[in-house]
């Protein structure tokens, strides 16, 4: 089982954001969500912000089929395994070592 927490970004310094959730502040890595801005809400798991804000953001980093778009935007809002685009250096290579796919979801 995985647990991810929604939190609001209150400050950003390069790839590190200070977030706040239920009065608790902590720093997280935002290299997986490079479009994140102060005031945005992100989903945090294991010290990383893991949610992309929309389909256009996802298309920058992953290949998407029509069926995958339908799944991501459905009421079920599942996590979908998507194939990474080659040379996607925005996301740290160490996050998914040797994997060609990553789990992606929308808010």
N, C-alpha and C. Protein backbone atom coordinates (compact mmCIF):
# COMPACT_ATOMS: atom_id res chain seq x y z
N UNK A 1 0.84 -1.18 0.00
CA UNK A 1 0.00 0.00 0.00
C UNK A 1 0.88 1.24 0.00
N UNK A 2 0.49 2.24 -0.75
CA UNK A 2 1.21 3.51 -0.80
C UNK A 2 0.33 4.59 -0.19
N UNK A 3 0.96 5.56 0.42
CA UNK A 3 0.24 6.69 0.98
C UNK A 3 0.84 7.96 0.40
N UNK A 4 0.01 8.78 -0.19
CA UNK A 4 0.45 10.06 -0.73
C UNK A 4 -0.39 11.16 -0.09
N UNK A 5 0.25 12.28 0.22
CA UNK A 5 -0.38 13.37 0.96
C UNK A 5 -0.49 14.61 0.08
N UNK A 6 -1.67 15.25 0.01
CA UNK A 6 -1.77 16.53 -0.69
C UNK A 6 -1.17 17.65 0.17
N UNK A 7 -0.43 18.54 -0.47
CA UNK A 7 0.21 19.64 0.26
C UNK A 7 0.31 20.85 -0.65
N UNK A 8 0.36 22.04 -0.03
CA UNK A 8 0.47 23.30 -0.78
C UNK A 8 1.92 23.75 -0.77
N UNK A 9 2.42 24.17 -1.92
CA UNK A 9 3.79 24.69 -2.02
C UNK A 9 3.81 26.12 -1.49
N UNK A 10 4.71 26.37 -0.55
CA UNK A 10 4.81 27.73 0.01
C UNK A 10 6.11 28.44 -0.37
N UNK A 11 7.12 27.67 -0.81
CA UNK A 11 8.38 28.28 -1.23
C UNK A 11 9.12 27.30 -2.13
N UNK A 12 9.84 27.82 -3.13
CA UNK A 12 10.62 26.96 -4.03
C UNK A 12 12.04 27.50 -4.14
N UNK A 13 13.01 26.57 -4.06
CA UNK A 13 14.41 26.89 -4.29
C UNK A 13 14.97 25.80 -5.19
N UNK A 14 15.12 26.10 -6.47
CA UNK A 14 15.56 25.15 -7.49
C UNK A 14 14.60 23.96 -7.54
N UNK A 15 15.06 22.74 -7.25
CA UNK A 15 14.20 21.55 -7.30
C UNK A 15 13.67 21.15 -5.93
N UNK A 16 13.75 22.03 -4.97
CA UNK A 16 13.25 21.73 -3.62
C UNK A 16 12.15 22.72 -3.27
N UNK A 17 11.02 22.17 -2.83
CA UNK A 17 9.90 23.02 -2.43
C UNK A 17 9.62 22.83 -0.95
N UNK A 18 9.30 23.92 -0.28
CA UNK A 18 8.79 23.82 1.08
C UNK A 18 7.28 23.70 0.94
N UNK A 19 6.72 22.67 1.55
CA UNK A 19 5.28 22.42 1.45
C UNK A 19 4.66 22.47 2.83
N UNK A 20 3.33 22.64 2.85
CA UNK A 20 2.59 22.62 4.11
C UNK A 20 1.33 21.79 3.93
N UNK A 21 1.11 20.91 4.89
CA UNK A 21 -0.09 20.09 4.91
C UNK A 21 -0.53 19.91 6.35
N UNK A 22 -1.75 20.32 6.65
CA UNK A 22 -2.30 20.21 8.01
C UNK A 22 -1.40 20.86 9.05
N UNK A 23 -0.79 21.99 8.68
CA UNK A 23 0.06 22.73 9.61
C UNK A 23 1.48 22.22 9.71
N UNK A 24 1.80 21.13 9.04
CA UNK A 24 3.16 20.58 9.06
C UNK A 24 3.90 21.05 7.81
N UNK A 25 5.12 21.58 8.02
CA UNK A 25 5.94 22.03 6.90
C UNK A 25 7.11 21.08 6.72
N UNK A 26 7.46 20.83 5.45
CA UNK A 26 8.63 20.01 5.16
C UNK A 26 9.10 20.31 3.76
N UNK A 27 10.32 19.87 3.44
CA UNK A 27 10.86 20.06 2.10
C UNK A 27 10.72 18.78 1.30
N UNK A 28 10.39 18.94 0.00
CA UNK A 28 10.28 17.80 -0.90
C UNK A 28 10.96 18.13 -2.23
N UNK A 29 11.34 17.10 -2.93
CA UNK A 29 11.95 17.22 -4.25
C UNK A 29 10.83 17.42 -5.28
N UNK A 30 10.94 18.45 -6.11
CA UNK A 30 9.91 18.69 -7.13
C UNK A 30 10.45 18.43 -8.54
N UNK A 31 11.53 17.67 -8.66
CA UNK A 31 12.08 17.40 -9.99
C UNK A 31 11.12 16.58 -10.86
N UNK A 32 10.17 15.86 -10.24
CA UNK A 32 9.18 15.11 -11.01
C UNK A 32 8.02 15.97 -11.48
N UNK A 33 7.91 17.17 -10.92
CA UNK A 33 6.84 18.10 -11.29
C UNK A 33 7.46 19.48 -11.55
N UNK A 34 8.26 19.61 -12.61
CA UNK A 34 9.00 20.84 -12.85
C UNK A 34 8.13 22.07 -13.09
N UNK A 35 6.85 21.87 -13.44
CA UNK A 35 5.96 23.01 -13.68
C UNK A 35 5.32 23.53 -12.40
N UNK A 36 5.61 22.90 -11.25
CA UNK A 36 5.00 23.30 -9.97
C UNK A 36 5.41 24.72 -9.61
N UNK A 37 4.46 25.47 -9.07
CA UNK A 37 4.70 26.86 -8.67
C UNK A 37 4.19 27.08 -7.25
N UNK A 38 4.67 28.14 -6.61
CA UNK A 38 4.21 28.51 -5.27
C UNK A 38 2.69 28.69 -5.32
N UNK A 39 2.02 28.10 -4.34
CA UNK A 39 0.56 28.17 -4.27
C UNK A 39 -0.12 26.94 -4.85
N UNK A 40 0.58 26.18 -5.71
CA UNK A 40 0.02 24.94 -6.26
C UNK A 40 -0.08 23.88 -5.19
N UNK A 41 -1.02 22.97 -5.39
CA UNK A 41 -1.08 21.78 -4.55
C UNK A 41 -0.42 20.64 -5.32
N UNK A 42 0.33 19.82 -4.60
CA UNK A 42 0.97 18.64 -5.18
C UNK A 42 0.64 17.45 -4.29
N UNK A 43 0.80 16.27 -4.85
CA UNK A 43 0.67 15.04 -4.08
C UNK A 43 2.08 14.58 -3.76
N UNK A 44 2.36 14.32 -2.49
CA UNK A 44 3.71 13.98 -2.04
C UNK A 44 3.76 12.53 -1.59
N UNK A 45 4.76 11.81 -2.12
CA UNK A 45 4.99 10.42 -1.72
C UNK A 45 6.50 10.20 -1.62
N UNK A 46 6.95 9.69 -0.50
CA UNK A 46 8.37 9.35 -0.29
C UNK A 46 9.29 10.54 -0.58
N UNK A 47 8.85 11.74 -0.24
CA UNK A 47 9.68 12.92 -0.41
C UNK A 47 9.68 13.54 -1.79
N UNK A 48 8.84 13.03 -2.70
CA UNK A 48 8.75 13.58 -4.05
C UNK A 48 7.33 14.05 -4.33
N UNK A 49 7.21 15.18 -5.03
CA UNK A 49 5.92 15.59 -5.57
C UNK A 49 5.73 14.77 -6.84
N UNK A 50 4.61 14.04 -6.95
CA UNK A 50 4.49 13.04 -8.01
C UNK A 50 3.36 13.27 -9.01
N UNK A 51 2.62 14.32 -8.88
CA UNK A 51 1.46 14.49 -9.75
C UNK A 51 1.70 15.61 -10.77
N UNK A 52 1.36 15.37 -12.00
CA UNK A 52 1.41 16.40 -13.03
C UNK A 52 0.04 17.03 -13.16
N UNK A 53 0.00 18.32 -13.52
CA UNK A 53 -1.25 19.06 -13.41
C UNK A 53 -2.25 18.83 -14.54
N UNK A 54 -1.79 18.46 -15.74
CA UNK A 54 -2.73 18.28 -16.85
C UNK A 54 -2.11 17.41 -17.94
N UNK A 55 -2.92 17.06 -18.92
CA UNK A 55 -2.47 16.19 -20.01
C UNK A 55 -1.31 16.81 -20.78
N UNK A 56 -1.35 18.12 -21.01
CA UNK A 56 -0.26 18.78 -21.75
C UNK A 56 1.07 18.64 -21.01
N UNK A 57 1.05 18.74 -19.68
CA UNK A 57 2.27 18.55 -18.89
C UNK A 57 2.79 17.12 -19.03
N UNK A 58 1.89 16.17 -19.01
CA UNK A 58 2.27 14.76 -19.13
C UNK A 58 2.89 14.49 -20.50
N UNK A 59 2.33 15.09 -21.55
CA UNK A 59 2.83 14.86 -22.91
C UNK A 59 4.28 15.30 -23.09
N UNK A 60 4.76 16.22 -22.28
CA UNK A 60 6.14 16.68 -22.37
C UNK A 60 7.13 15.57 -22.01
N UNK A 61 6.72 14.67 -21.11
CA UNK A 61 7.64 13.70 -20.54
C UNK A 61 7.33 12.25 -20.86
N UNK A 62 6.10 11.97 -21.33
CA UNK A 62 5.67 10.59 -21.54
C UNK A 62 4.91 10.46 -22.86
N UNK A 63 4.94 9.25 -23.43
CA UNK A 63 4.11 8.94 -24.60
C UNK A 63 2.71 8.61 -24.11
N UNK A 64 1.71 9.11 -24.81
CA UNK A 64 0.31 8.90 -24.40
C UNK A 64 -0.53 8.41 -25.57
N UNK A 65 -1.28 7.36 -25.33
CA UNK A 65 -2.25 6.90 -26.33
C UNK A 65 -3.61 7.51 -26.01
N UNK A 66 -4.53 7.40 -26.94
CA UNK A 66 -5.89 7.89 -26.72
C UNK A 66 -6.52 7.19 -25.51
N UNK A 67 -6.31 5.89 -25.41
CA UNK A 67 -6.87 5.11 -24.31
C UNK A 67 -6.28 5.55 -22.96
N UNK A 68 -4.98 5.83 -22.93
CA UNK A 68 -4.34 6.29 -21.69
C UNK A 68 -4.88 7.65 -21.26
N UNK A 69 -5.11 8.54 -22.23
CA UNK A 69 -5.70 9.85 -21.91
C UNK A 69 -7.10 9.66 -21.34
N UNK A 70 -7.88 8.78 -21.94
CA UNK A 70 -9.24 8.51 -21.43
C UNK A 70 -9.19 7.99 -20.00
N UNK A 71 -8.25 7.10 -19.70
CA UNK A 71 -8.12 6.57 -18.34
C UNK A 71 -7.73 7.66 -17.35
N UNK A 72 -6.71 8.44 -17.71
CA UNK A 72 -6.22 9.49 -16.81
C UNK A 72 -7.29 10.53 -16.49
N UNK A 73 -8.15 10.83 -17.46
CA UNK A 73 -9.15 11.89 -17.27
C UNK A 73 -10.51 11.34 -16.82
N UNK A 74 -10.60 10.05 -16.59
CA UNK A 74 -11.87 9.46 -16.16
C UNK A 74 -12.15 9.77 -14.69
N UNK A 75 -13.38 9.53 -14.27
CA UNK A 75 -13.77 9.77 -12.88
C UNK A 75 -13.00 8.88 -11.91
N UNK A 76 -12.52 7.73 -12.39
CA UNK A 76 -11.75 6.83 -11.53
C UNK A 76 -10.39 7.42 -11.17
N UNK A 77 -9.83 8.24 -12.04
CA UNK A 77 -8.54 8.89 -11.84
C UNK A 77 -7.44 7.93 -11.39
N UNK A 78 -7.18 6.87 -12.18
CA UNK A 78 -6.18 5.89 -11.76
C UNK A 78 -4.75 6.37 -11.99
N UNK A 79 -3.81 5.66 -11.39
CA UNK A 79 -2.40 5.83 -11.73
C UNK A 79 -2.17 4.96 -12.97
N UNK A 80 -1.60 5.54 -14.02
CA UNK A 80 -1.40 4.84 -15.28
C UNK A 80 0.10 4.73 -15.55
N UNK A 81 0.56 3.53 -15.90
CA UNK A 81 1.96 3.35 -16.27
C UNK A 81 2.17 3.87 -17.68
N UNK A 82 3.07 4.86 -17.82
CA UNK A 82 3.33 5.47 -19.12
C UNK A 82 4.80 5.31 -19.49
N UNK A 83 5.05 5.13 -20.77
CA UNK A 83 6.42 5.01 -21.25
C UNK A 83 7.07 6.39 -21.29
N UNK A 84 8.27 6.47 -20.70
CA UNK A 84 9.01 7.73 -20.67
C UNK A 84 9.55 8.06 -22.05
N UNK A 85 9.61 9.34 -22.36
CA UNK A 85 10.25 9.76 -23.60
C UNK A 85 11.76 9.66 -23.41
N UNK A 86 12.46 9.37 -24.50
CA UNK A 86 13.92 9.26 -24.45
C UNK A 86 14.54 10.58 -24.03
N UNK A 87 15.59 10.48 -23.30
CA UNK A 87 16.36 11.65 -22.86
C UNK A 87 15.50 12.64 -22.09
N UNK A 88 14.66 12.13 -21.23
CA UNK A 88 13.84 12.97 -20.35
C UNK A 88 14.65 13.23 -19.09
N UNK A 89 15.48 14.28 -19.12
CA UNK A 89 16.37 14.54 -18.00
C UNK A 89 15.75 15.42 -16.93
N UNK A 90 14.51 15.83 -17.12
CA UNK A 90 13.86 16.64 -16.10
C UNK A 90 13.62 15.81 -14.85
N UNK A 91 13.28 14.55 -15.05
CA UNK A 91 13.06 13.63 -13.93
C UNK A 91 14.35 12.89 -13.68
N UNK A 92 14.78 12.85 -12.43
CA UNK A 92 16.02 12.18 -12.08
C UNK A 92 16.02 10.73 -12.54
N UNK A 93 17.09 10.31 -13.19
CA UNK A 93 17.23 8.94 -13.66
C UNK A 93 17.14 7.96 -12.50
N UNK A 94 17.59 8.36 -11.33
CA UNK A 94 17.60 7.48 -10.16
C UNK A 94 16.21 7.21 -9.59
N UNK A 95 15.23 8.00 -9.96
CA UNK A 95 13.88 7.80 -9.44
C UNK A 95 13.31 6.47 -9.93
N UNK A 96 13.55 6.13 -11.17
CA UNK A 96 13.04 4.86 -11.71
C UNK A 96 14.16 4.16 -12.48
N UNK A 97 15.16 3.81 -11.75
CA UNK A 97 16.36 3.19 -12.30
C UNK A 97 16.03 2.00 -13.20
N UNK A 98 16.50 2.04 -14.44
CA UNK A 98 16.34 0.97 -15.43
C UNK A 98 14.89 0.75 -15.89
N UNK A 99 13.96 1.54 -15.45
CA UNK A 99 12.56 1.39 -15.87
C UNK A 99 12.26 2.32 -17.04
N UNK A 100 11.53 1.81 -18.00
CA UNK A 100 11.11 2.65 -19.13
C UNK A 100 9.74 3.25 -18.87
N UNK A 101 9.09 2.83 -17.80
CA UNK A 101 7.74 3.28 -17.48
C UNK A 101 7.69 3.88 -16.08
N UNK A 102 6.80 4.86 -15.89
CA UNK A 102 6.55 5.44 -14.57
C UNK A 102 5.05 5.58 -14.36
N UNK A 103 4.62 5.52 -13.12
CA UNK A 103 3.22 5.71 -12.79
C UNK A 103 2.89 7.19 -12.74
N UNK A 104 1.84 7.59 -13.44
CA UNK A 104 1.45 9.00 -13.54
C UNK A 104 -0.04 9.12 -13.23
N UNK A 105 -0.40 10.22 -12.57
CA UNK A 105 -1.81 10.47 -12.27
C UNK A 105 -2.10 11.95 -12.38
N UNK A 106 -3.36 12.29 -12.48
CA UNK A 106 -3.82 13.68 -12.52
C UNK A 106 -4.57 14.00 -11.23
N UNK A 107 -4.63 15.29 -10.87
CA UNK A 107 -5.38 15.66 -9.65
C UNK A 107 -6.86 15.37 -9.77
